[in-house]
Amino acid sequence: MNETMRENSPAAEHRWLAVAGLFFKLGAISFGGPAAHIALMEQEAVRKRGWLSREHFLDLLAATNAAWCSLPSSSAMWSAVSAG
C-alpha cells in the first residue's frame, strides 16, 4: 500500500464508502439473478467509474467461475468481493 492510501486516511475511507454505496445500490435495484448482477457490476465498476479494466473484470469473473463451487450466484458474489 502506498503512503497516500493508508487504512485510516480520508482517501481510503472515501474509497470504502464508494464501494459500499455501489454494492448497496446494486443490491437494492437489481433483479434477475446473478447474470443481471454481473452485468450491472461490469457497467458500474468498469464503464462508469473506471475502477477496473474490462480485461481485469473478465479475468476475475473467469477465476470465480473456475472455482470448485462455480454456481452463478457465487460467481457474482466473489467477483464483487475481488473487485472491492
Protein backbone atom coordinates (compact mmCIF):
# COMPACT_ATOMS: atom_id res chain seq x y z
CA MET A 1 0.00 0.00 0.00
CA ASN A 2 1.42 3.38 -0.89
CA GLU A 3 1.85 6.26 1.52
CA THR A 4 -1.22 8.15 0.33
CA MET A 5 -3.68 5.28 0.86
CA ARG A 6 -3.23 4.29 4.46
CA GLU A 7 -6.12 2.47 6.13
CA ASN A 8 -7.21 5.46 8.23
CA SER A 9 -6.70 8.15 5.59
CA PRO A 10 -9.68 10.12 4.26
CA ALA A 11 -8.97 8.79 0.75
CA ALA A 12 -9.18 5.17 1.94
CA GLU A 13 -12.37 5.92 3.87
CA HIS A 14 -13.91 7.58 0.81
CA ARG A 15 -12.95 4.59 -1.34
CA TRP A 16 -14.65 2.14 1.02
CA LEU A 17 -17.76 4.31 1.21
CA ALA A 18 -17.91 4.45 -2.60
CA VAL A 19 -17.60 0.65 -2.87
CA ALA A 20 -20.20 0.08 -0.14
CA GLY A 21 -22.54 2.59 -1.77
CA LEU A 22 -22.21 0.92 -5.15
CA PHE A 23 -22.99 -2.55 -3.82
CA PHE A 24 -25.88 -1.23 -1.73
CA LYS A 25 -27.28 0.32 -4.92
CA LEU A 26 -26.78 -2.92 -6.86
CA GLY A 27 -28.48 -4.93 -4.14
CA ALA A 28 -31.40 -2.52 -3.97
CA ILE A 29 -32.17 -2.14 -7.68
CA SER A 30 -31.05 -5.33 -9.37
CA PHE A 31 -33.47 -8.09 -10.17
CA GLY A 32 -32.97 -11.04 -12.46
CA GLY A 33 -30.39 -13.15 -10.68
CA PRO A 34 -26.61 -13.42 -10.91
CA ALA A 35 -26.38 -12.66 -14.63
CA ALA A 36 -28.04 -9.31 -14.04
CA HIS A 37 -25.79 -8.59 -11.05
CA ILE A 38 -22.65 -9.34 -13.06
CA ALA A 39 -23.82 -7.13 -15.94
CA LEU A 40 -24.62 -4.27 -13.56
CA MET A 41 -21.28 -4.67 -11.75
CA GLU A 42 -19.47 -4.52 -15.08
CA GLN A 43 -21.38 -1.43 -16.15
CA GLU A 44 -20.82 0.42 -12.86
CA ALA A 45 -17.27 -0.64 -11.92
CA VAL A 46 -15.74 -0.76 -15.41
CA ARG A 47 -17.62 1.60 -17.70
CA LYS A 48 -18.91 4.32 -15.39
CA ARG A 49 -16.34 4.50 -12.60
CA GLY A 50 -13.25 3.03 -14.26
CA TRP A 51 -12.20 1.11 -11.13
CA LEU A 52 -11.20 -1.94 -13.21
CA SER A 53 -10.29 -2.52 -16.80
CA ARG A 54 -12.66 -4.73 -18.77
CA GLU A 55 -9.91 -7.36 -19.07
CA HIS A 56 -9.29 -7.40 -15.32
CA PHE A 57 -13.02 -7.70 -14.62
CA LEU A 58 -13.32 -10.63 -17.04
CA ASP A 59 -10.25 -12.28 -15.51
CA LEU A 60 -11.84 -12.03 -12.06
CA LEU A 61 -15.10 -13.42 -13.39
CA ALA A 62 -13.28 -16.32 -15.09
CA ALA A 63 -11.38 -17.08 -11.88
CA THR A 64 -14.60 -17.22 -9.88
CA ASN A 65 -16.19 -19.49 -12.49
CA ALA A 66 -13.21 -21.84 -12.33
CA ALA A 67 -13.61 -22.30 -8.58
CA TRP A 68 -14.86 -25.64 -7.29
CA CYS A 69 -18.17 -24.08 -6.27
CA SER A 70 -18.85 -22.27 -9.53
CA LEU A 71 -22.52 -21.53 -9.09
CA PRO A 72 -23.69 -18.34 -10.80
CA SER A 73 -24.57 -16.67 -7.51
CA SER A 74 -21.16 -17.43 -6.03
CA SER A 75 -19.53 -16.02 -9.17
CA ALA A 76 -21.41 -12.75 -8.73
CA MET A 77 -20.53 -12.57 -5.04
CA TRP A 78 -16.83 -13.41 -5.47
CA SER A 79 -16.48 -11.03 -8.40
CA ALA A 80 -17.84 -8.31 -6.16
CA VAL A 81 -15.50 -9.25 -3.32
CA SER A 82 -12.49 -9.38 -5.65
CA ALA A 83 -13.34 -6.02 -7.19
CA GLY A 84 -13.90 -4.39 -3.81
